[in-house]
């Protein structure tokens, strides 16, 4: 079998195709969650915390002070962008929760009903003979 044929057989297996579809859907889901966090979750949270815009929170590790994050980035100042980290952390928590719920649903669907208990095995022939003898003696 040639290398090209082996690759084709590998790529056309169900698991590889399923993985490719999952990666594409996962990428789209990541964009949706990113938009959810940046555009819907964080603005009200920032408003509740006194009008803070999380994406502009940073710590300047350099000497000169800068008025904005953009100015500090343009000057090449060393920065700790903890606001961006908070956004990423919220992204992760939402994705992790969504995956948790999805796996929980799949596991619930996969659960099979417990098998009915098996009937006890028939007793050996010598036990049956002994029972017959016992019953005959009782009569």
N, C-alpha and C. Protein backbone atom coordinates (compact mmCIF):
# COMPACT_ATOMS: atom_id res chain seq x y z
N UNK A 1 0.86 -1.18 0.00
CA UNK A 1 0.00 0.00 0.00
C UNK A 1 0.90 1.24 0.00
N UNK A 2 0.61 2.18 -0.87
CA UNK A 2 1.45 3.37 -0.96
C UNK A 2 1.16 4.31 0.20
N UNK A 3 2.06 5.22 0.38
CA UNK A 3 1.93 6.20 1.46
C UNK A 3 0.66 7.03 1.28
N UNK A 4 0.35 7.39 0.06
CA UNK A 4 -0.84 8.19 -0.22
C UNK A 4 -2.12 7.42 0.12
N UNK A 5 -2.15 6.13 -0.22
CA UNK A 5 -3.32 5.31 0.08
C UNK A 5 -3.49 5.12 1.59
N UNK A 6 -2.38 4.94 2.29
CA UNK A 6 -2.44 4.79 3.75
C UNK A 6 -2.97 6.06 4.39
N UNK A 7 -2.47 7.22 3.91
CA UNK A 7 -2.94 8.49 4.45
C UNK A 7 -4.43 8.67 4.19
N UNK A 8 -4.88 8.31 2.97
CA UNK A 8 -6.29 8.44 2.63
C UNK A 8 -7.14 7.55 3.54
N UNK A 9 -6.70 6.32 3.77
CA UNK A 9 -7.44 5.40 4.65
C UNK A 9 -7.49 5.96 6.07
N UNK A 10 -6.38 6.54 6.53
CA UNK A 10 -6.34 7.13 7.88
C UNK A 10 -7.27 8.33 7.97
N UNK A 11 -7.20 9.22 6.99
CA UNK A 11 -7.96 10.47 7.04
C UNK A 11 -9.46 10.24 6.90
N UNK A 12 -9.84 9.17 6.24
CA UNK A 12 -11.26 8.92 6.02
C UNK A 12 -11.91 8.08 7.11
N UNK A 13 -11.13 7.67 8.09
CA UNK A 13 -11.74 6.96 9.22
C UNK A 13 -12.70 7.87 9.94
N UNK A 14 -13.69 7.30 10.55
CA UNK A 14 -14.72 8.10 11.23
C UNK A 14 -14.16 8.98 12.32
N UNK A 15 -13.21 8.49 13.09
CA UNK A 15 -12.69 9.27 14.23
C UNK A 15 -11.99 10.53 13.76
N UNK A 16 -11.23 10.45 12.67
CA UNK A 16 -10.49 11.61 12.19
C UNK A 16 -11.46 12.66 11.66
N UNK A 17 -12.45 12.23 10.92
CA UNK A 17 -13.44 13.17 10.38
C UNK A 17 -14.22 13.80 11.53
N UNK A 18 -14.61 13.00 12.51
CA UNK A 18 -15.32 13.53 13.67
C UNK A 18 -14.48 14.55 14.42
N UNK A 19 -13.18 14.27 14.54
CA UNK A 19 -12.28 15.20 15.21
C UNK A 19 -12.19 16.51 14.45
N UNK A 20 -12.11 16.43 13.13
CA UNK A 20 -12.03 17.65 12.32
C UNK A 20 -13.29 18.50 12.49
N UNK A 21 -14.44 17.85 12.49
CA UNK A 21 -15.70 18.59 12.69
C UNK A 21 -15.72 19.21 14.09
N UNK A 22 -15.27 18.45 15.09
CA UNK A 22 -15.26 18.98 16.46
C UNK A 22 -14.34 20.19 16.59
N UNK A 23 -13.20 20.16 15.92
CA UNK A 23 -12.27 21.29 15.99
C UNK A 23 -12.90 22.53 15.36
N UNK A 24 -13.56 22.36 14.23
CA UNK A 24 -14.20 23.50 13.56
C UNK A 24 -15.33 24.06 14.42
N UNK A 25 -16.16 23.19 14.95
CA UNK A 25 -17.26 23.66 15.81
C UNK A 25 -16.71 24.29 17.08
N UNK A 26 -15.64 23.70 17.64
CA UNK A 26 -15.01 24.26 18.84
C UNK A 26 -14.46 25.66 18.59
N UNK A 27 -13.86 25.87 17.42
CA UNK A 27 -13.36 27.20 17.09
C UNK A 27 -14.49 28.22 17.00
N UNK A 28 -15.59 27.82 16.37
CA UNK A 28 -16.73 28.72 16.28
C UNK A 28 -17.33 28.98 17.66
N UNK A 29 -17.41 27.93 18.49
CA UNK A 29 -17.94 28.08 19.85
C UNK A 29 -17.05 29.02 20.66
N UNK A 30 -15.72 28.91 20.48
CA UNK A 30 -14.79 29.79 21.18
C UNK A 30 -15.03 31.25 20.83
N UNK A 31 -15.31 31.52 19.56
CA UNK A 31 -15.59 32.91 19.14
C UNK A 31 -16.89 33.42 19.77
N UNK A 32 -17.88 32.54 19.84
CA UNK A 32 -19.15 32.94 20.44
C UNK A 32 -18.96 33.25 21.92
N UNK A 33 -18.21 32.40 22.61
CA UNK A 33 -17.97 32.63 24.04
C UNK A 33 -17.14 33.90 24.24
N UNK A 34 -16.16 34.12 23.39
CA UNK A 34 -15.33 35.32 23.48
C UNK A 34 -16.20 36.57 23.35
N UNK A 35 -17.10 36.56 22.38
CA UNK A 35 -18.00 37.69 22.21
C UNK A 35 -18.95 37.83 23.40
N UNK A 36 -19.44 36.70 23.91
CA UNK A 36 -20.32 36.74 25.08
C UNK A 36 -19.61 37.41 26.25
N UNK A 37 -18.37 37.03 26.49
CA UNK A 37 -17.64 37.59 27.63
C UNK A 37 -17.34 39.06 27.41
N UNK A 38 -16.77 39.41 26.25
CA UNK A 38 -16.34 40.79 26.00
C UNK A 38 -17.50 41.76 25.83
N UNK A 39 -18.58 41.30 25.18
CA UNK A 39 -19.65 42.21 24.81
C UNK A 39 -20.87 42.17 25.73
N UNK A 40 -21.04 41.07 26.48
CA UNK A 40 -22.26 40.95 27.29
C UNK A 40 -21.97 40.80 28.78
N UNK A 41 -21.01 39.95 29.15
CA UNK A 41 -20.77 39.67 30.57
C UNK A 41 -19.92 40.77 31.23
N UNK A 42 -18.81 41.11 30.63
CA UNK A 42 -17.87 42.03 31.28
C UNK A 42 -18.36 43.48 31.37
N UNK A 43 -19.05 44.05 30.38
CA UNK A 43 -19.52 45.44 30.56
C UNK A 43 -20.42 45.65 31.77
N UNK A 44 -21.45 44.81 32.00
CA UNK A 44 -22.25 45.02 33.22
C UNK A 44 -21.45 44.77 34.49
N UNK A 45 -20.55 43.78 34.45
CA UNK A 45 -19.71 43.51 35.61
C UNK A 45 -18.82 44.70 35.91
N UNK A 46 -18.23 45.27 34.87
CA UNK A 46 -17.41 46.47 35.05
C UNK A 46 -18.23 47.64 35.56
N UNK A 47 -19.45 47.77 35.10
CA UNK A 47 -20.33 48.85 35.56
C UNK A 47 -20.67 48.68 37.03
N UNK A 48 -20.91 47.43 37.44
CA UNK A 48 -21.20 47.17 38.86
C UNK A 48 -20.00 47.49 39.74
N UNK A 49 -18.80 47.34 39.20
CA UNK A 49 -17.59 47.61 39.97
C UNK A 49 -17.09 49.03 39.81
N UNK A 50 -17.96 49.93 39.41
CA UNK A 50 -17.59 51.35 39.36
C UNK A 50 -17.16 51.83 37.99
N UNK A 51 -17.69 51.26 36.93
CA UNK A 51 -17.39 51.73 35.59
C UNK A 51 -16.03 51.29 35.08
N UNK A 52 -15.55 50.14 35.51
CA UNK A 52 -14.25 49.64 35.09
C UNK A 52 -14.38 48.91 33.76
N UNK A 53 -13.46 49.21 32.82
CA UNK A 53 -13.38 48.45 31.57
C UNK A 53 -12.20 47.49 31.72
N UNK A 54 -12.50 46.22 31.89
CA UNK A 54 -11.47 45.24 32.23
C UNK A 54 -10.35 45.16 31.21
N UNK A 55 -10.68 45.35 29.93
CA UNK A 55 -9.62 45.20 28.93
C UNK A 55 -8.57 46.30 29.02
N UNK A 56 -8.84 47.35 29.76
CA UNK A 56 -7.87 48.44 29.91
C UNK A 56 -7.12 48.40 31.24
N UNK A 57 -7.30 47.37 32.03
CA UNK A 57 -6.60 47.26 33.31
C UNK A 57 -5.21 46.67 33.10
N UNK A 58 -4.21 47.34 33.63
CA UNK A 58 -2.84 46.87 33.49
C UNK A 58 -1.97 47.44 34.59
N UNK A 59 -0.82 46.82 34.77
CA UNK A 59 0.20 47.35 35.68
C UNK A 59 1.43 47.65 34.83
N UNK A 60 1.90 48.87 34.92
CA UNK A 60 3.08 49.28 34.17
C UNK A 60 4.32 48.94 34.99
N UNK A 61 5.21 48.14 34.44
CA UNK A 61 6.43 47.77 35.14
C UNK A 61 7.60 48.71 34.82
N UNK A 62 7.37 49.65 33.92
CA UNK A 62 8.41 50.59 33.54
C UNK A 62 8.37 51.87 34.37
N UNK A 63 9.34 52.75 34.14
CA UNK A 63 9.43 54.00 34.90
C UNK A 63 8.42 55.06 34.46
N UNK A 64 8.33 55.39 33.18
CA UNK A 64 7.38 56.46 32.83
C UNK A 64 5.95 55.98 32.96
N UNK A 65 5.07 56.87 33.37
CA UNK A 65 3.64 56.55 33.48
C UNK A 65 2.97 56.85 32.16
N UNK A 66 1.97 56.06 31.83
CA UNK A 66 1.24 56.25 30.58
C UNK A 66 -0.23 56.42 30.92
N UNK A 67 -0.91 57.25 30.14
CA UNK A 67 -2.32 57.55 30.40
C UNK A 67 -3.22 56.37 30.01
N UNK A 68 -2.87 55.66 28.97
CA UNK A 68 -3.72 54.56 28.51
C UNK A 68 -2.88 53.32 28.23
N UNK A 69 -3.56 52.20 28.12
CA UNK A 69 -2.91 50.94 27.78
C UNK A 69 -2.32 51.02 26.37
N UNK A 70 -3.05 51.63 25.46
CA UNK A 70 -2.57 51.75 24.09
C UNK A 70 -1.27 52.54 24.02
N UNK A 71 -1.18 53.62 24.79
CA UNK A 71 0.03 54.43 24.79
C UNK A 71 1.21 53.64 25.36
N UNK A 72 0.96 52.87 26.40
CA UNK A 72 2.02 52.06 27.00
C UNK A 72 2.47 50.97 26.04
N UNK A 73 1.52 50.35 25.34
CA UNK A 73 1.88 49.32 24.36
C UNK A 73 2.67 49.91 23.21
N UNK A 74 2.26 51.10 22.75
CA UNK A 74 2.93 51.76 21.63
C UNK A 74 4.37 52.12 22.01
N UNK A 75 4.59 52.49 23.27
CA UNK A 75 5.93 52.84 23.74
C UNK A 75 6.76 51.59 24.02
N UNK A 76 6.13 50.43 24.02
CA UNK A 76 6.85 49.18 24.28
C UNK A 76 7.18 48.97 25.75
N UNK A 77 6.39 49.55 26.63
CA UNK A 77 6.63 49.42 28.07
C UNK A 77 6.29 47.99 28.51
N UNK A 78 7.03 47.49 29.51
CA UNK A 78 6.68 46.17 30.05
C UNK A 78 5.40 46.28 30.88
N UNK A 79 4.42 45.44 30.56
CA UNK A 79 3.10 45.55 31.18
C UNK A 79 2.61 44.20 31.68
N UNK A 80 1.84 44.25 32.74
CA UNK A 80 1.05 43.09 33.18
C UNK A 80 -0.39 43.47 32.88
N UNK A 81 -0.98 42.80 31.90
CA UNK A 81 -2.35 43.12 31.47
C UNK A 81 -3.32 42.20 32.20
N UNK A 82 -3.57 42.50 33.46
CA UNK A 82 -4.42 41.63 34.25
C UNK A 82 -5.89 41.73 33.85
N UNK A 83 -6.30 42.80 33.23
CA UNK A 83 -7.67 42.91 32.74
C UNK A 83 -7.94 41.91 31.61
N UNK A 84 -6.98 41.79 30.69
CA UNK A 84 -7.11 40.80 29.61
C UNK A 84 -7.11 39.40 30.19
N UNK A 85 -6.32 39.19 31.24
CA UNK A 85 -6.28 37.88 31.90
C UNK A 85 -7.63 37.56 32.53
N UNK A 86 -8.26 38.54 33.15
CA UNK A 86 -9.58 38.32 33.75
C UNK A 86 -10.59 37.93 32.67
N UNK A 87 -10.56 38.64 31.52
CA UNK A 87 -11.45 38.29 30.41
C UNK A 87 -11.21 36.85 29.95
N UNK A 88 -9.95 36.47 29.81
CA UNK A 88 -9.61 35.11 29.37
C UNK A 88 -10.06 34.09 30.41
N UNK A 89 -9.91 34.41 31.67
CA UNK A 89 -10.34 33.51 32.74
C UNK A 89 -11.85 33.28 32.70
N UNK A 90 -12.61 34.35 32.49
CA UNK A 90 -14.06 34.21 32.39
C UNK A 90 -14.42 33.39 31.15
N UNK A 91 -13.71 33.61 30.02
CA UNK A 91 -13.90 32.78 28.82
C UNK A 91 -13.73 31.31 29.17
N UNK A 92 -12.64 31.01 29.84
CA UNK A 92 -12.34 29.62 30.19
C UNK A 92 -13.43 29.03 31.08
N UNK A 93 -13.87 29.77 32.08
CA UNK A 93 -14.88 29.26 32.99
C UNK A 93 -16.19 28.96 32.26
N UNK A 94 -16.57 29.82 31.33
CA UNK A 94 -17.81 29.58 30.57
C UNK A 94 -17.66 28.35 29.69
N UNK A 95 -16.52 28.23 28.99
CA UNK A 95 -16.30 27.06 28.13
C UNK A 95 -16.23 25.79 28.97
N UNK A 96 -15.52 25.84 30.09
CA UNK A 96 -15.41 24.65 30.95
C UNK A 96 -16.79 24.23 31.46
N UNK A 97 -17.61 25.19 31.85
CA UNK A 97 -18.95 24.86 32.33
C UNK A 97 -19.80 24.26 31.20
N UNK A 98 -19.70 24.83 30.01
CA UNK A 98 -20.47 24.31 28.87
C UNK A 98 -20.04 22.88 28.55
N UNK A 99 -18.75 22.61 28.58
CA UNK A 99 -18.26 21.25 28.32
C UNK A 99 -18.72 20.30 29.42
N UNK A 100 -18.67 20.75 30.66
CA UNK A 100 -19.13 19.94 31.78
C UNK A 100 -20.60 19.54 31.60
N UNK A 101 -21.43 20.51 31.24
CA UNK A 101 -22.86 20.23 31.04
C UNK A 101 -23.05 19.27 29.87
N UNK A 102 -22.31 19.48 28.78
CA UNK A 102 -22.45 18.60 27.62
C UNK A 102 -22.04 17.17 27.96
N UNK A 103 -20.95 17.00 28.69
CA UNK A 103 -20.50 15.66 29.06
C UNK A 103 -21.49 15.02 30.03
N UNK A 104 -22.04 15.82 30.91
CA UNK A 104 -23.03 15.27 31.85
C UNK A 104 -24.26 14.76 31.10
N UNK A 105 -24.71 15.50 30.09
CA UNK A 105 -25.86 15.07 29.29
C UNK A 105 -25.52 13.80 28.52
N UNK A 106 -24.33 13.75 27.92
CA UNK A 106 -23.93 12.56 27.16
C UNK A 106 -23.85 11.35 28.09
N UNK A 107 -23.27 11.53 29.26
CA UNK A 107 -23.17 10.41 30.21
C UNK A 107 -24.55 9.94 30.65
N UNK A 108 -25.47 10.86 30.85
CA UNK A 108 -26.83 10.48 31.25
C UNK A 108 -27.50 9.70 30.13
N UNK A 109 -27.26 10.09 28.89
CA UNK A 109 -27.86 9.38 27.76
C UNK A 109 -27.22 8.00 27.56
N UNK A 110 -25.95 7.89 27.90
CA UNK A 110 -25.23 6.63 27.73
C UNK A 110 -25.59 5.61 28.79
N UNK A 111 -26.03 6.03 29.94
CA UNK A 111 -26.32 5.10 31.03
C UNK A 111 -27.36 4.09 30.58
N UNK A 112 -27.03 2.87 30.78
CA UNK A 112 -27.99 1.83 30.46
C UNK A 112 -28.69 1.43 31.74
N UNK A 113 -29.91 0.94 31.57
CA UNK A 113 -30.63 0.49 32.75
C UNK A 113 -29.92 -0.73 33.30
N UNK A 114 -29.90 -0.87 34.60
CA UNK A 114 -29.21 -2.03 35.16
C UNK A 114 -29.86 -3.32 34.68
N UNK A 115 -29.02 -4.28 34.40
CA UNK A 115 -29.51 -5.56 33.90
C UNK A 115 -30.31 -6.25 35.00
N UNK A 116 -31.35 -6.96 34.57
CA UNK A 116 -32.16 -7.70 35.53
C UNK A 116 -31.30 -8.81 36.12
N UNK A 117 -31.49 -9.09 37.41
CA UNK A 117 -30.66 -10.13 38.00
C UNK A 117 -30.89 -11.47 37.31
N UNK A 118 -29.81 -12.17 37.09
CA UNK A 118 -29.89 -13.46 36.40
C UNK A 118 -30.56 -14.48 37.30
N UNK A 119 -31.27 -15.39 36.66
CA UNK A 119 -31.91 -16.45 37.44
C UNK A 119 -30.83 -17.34 38.02
N UNK A 120 -31.06 -17.84 39.22
CA UNK A 120 -30.03 -18.70 39.81
C UNK A 120 -29.85 -19.96 38.96
N UNK A 121 -28.64 -20.44 38.94
CA UNK A 121 -28.33 -21.64 38.16
C UNK A 121 -29.07 -22.83 38.75
N UNK A 122 -29.40 -23.75 37.88
CA UNK A 122 -30.11 -24.96 38.34
C UNK A 122 -29.18 -25.73 39.27
N UNK A 123 -29.74 -26.29 40.36
CA UNK A 123 -28.89 -27.02 41.29
C UNK A 123 -28.34 -28.30 40.61
N UNK A 124 -27.20 -28.74 41.07
CA UNK A 124 -26.61 -29.96 40.49
C UNK A 124 -27.54 -31.16 40.70
N UNK A 125 -27.33 -32.20 39.90
CA UNK A 125 -28.20 -33.37 39.91
C UNK A 125 -28.19 -34.09 41.26
N UNK A 126 -27.03 -34.16 41.93
CA UNK A 126 -26.98 -34.85 43.22
C UNK A 126 -27.83 -34.15 44.27
N UNK A 127 -27.89 -32.81 44.19
CA UNK A 127 -28.73 -32.06 45.13
C UNK A 127 -30.20 -32.37 44.85
N UNK A 128 -30.57 -32.45 43.58
CA UNK A 128 -31.95 -32.78 43.24
C UNK A 128 -32.32 -34.17 43.76
N UNK A 129 -31.40 -35.13 43.63
CA UNK A 129 -31.67 -36.48 44.13
C UNK A 129 -31.83 -36.48 45.64
N UNK A 130 -30.98 -35.73 46.32
CA UNK A 130 -31.09 -35.66 47.78
C UNK A 130 -32.42 -35.04 48.21
N UNK A 131 -32.88 -34.04 47.47
CA UNK A 131 -34.17 -33.43 47.79
C UNK A 131 -35.32 -34.43 47.58
N UNK A 132 -35.22 -35.16 46.51
CA UNK A 132 -36.26 -36.17 46.26
C UNK A 132 -36.30 -37.20 47.38
N UNK A 133 -35.12 -37.63 47.82
CA UNK A 133 -35.06 -38.60 48.93
C UNK A 133 -35.66 -38.01 50.19
N UNK A 134 -35.31 -36.76 50.48
CA UNK A 134 -35.83 -36.08 51.65
C UNK A 134 -37.34 -36.00 51.59
N UNK A 135 -37.87 -35.58 50.45
CA UNK A 135 -39.32 -35.44 50.30
C UNK A 135 -40.01 -36.79 50.42
N UNK A 136 -39.39 -37.86 49.90
CA UNK A 136 -39.97 -39.20 49.99
C UNK A 136 -40.01 -39.68 51.44
N UNK A 137 -38.96 -39.37 52.24
CA UNK A 137 -38.90 -39.77 53.63
C UNK A 137 -39.93 -39.00 54.46
N UNK A 138 -40.24 -37.78 54.07
CA UNK A 138 -41.23 -36.98 54.81
C UNK A 138 -42.62 -37.58 54.66
N UNK A 139 -42.89 -38.21 53.53
CA UNK A 139 -44.21 -38.78 53.27
C UNK A 139 -44.34 -40.04 54.03
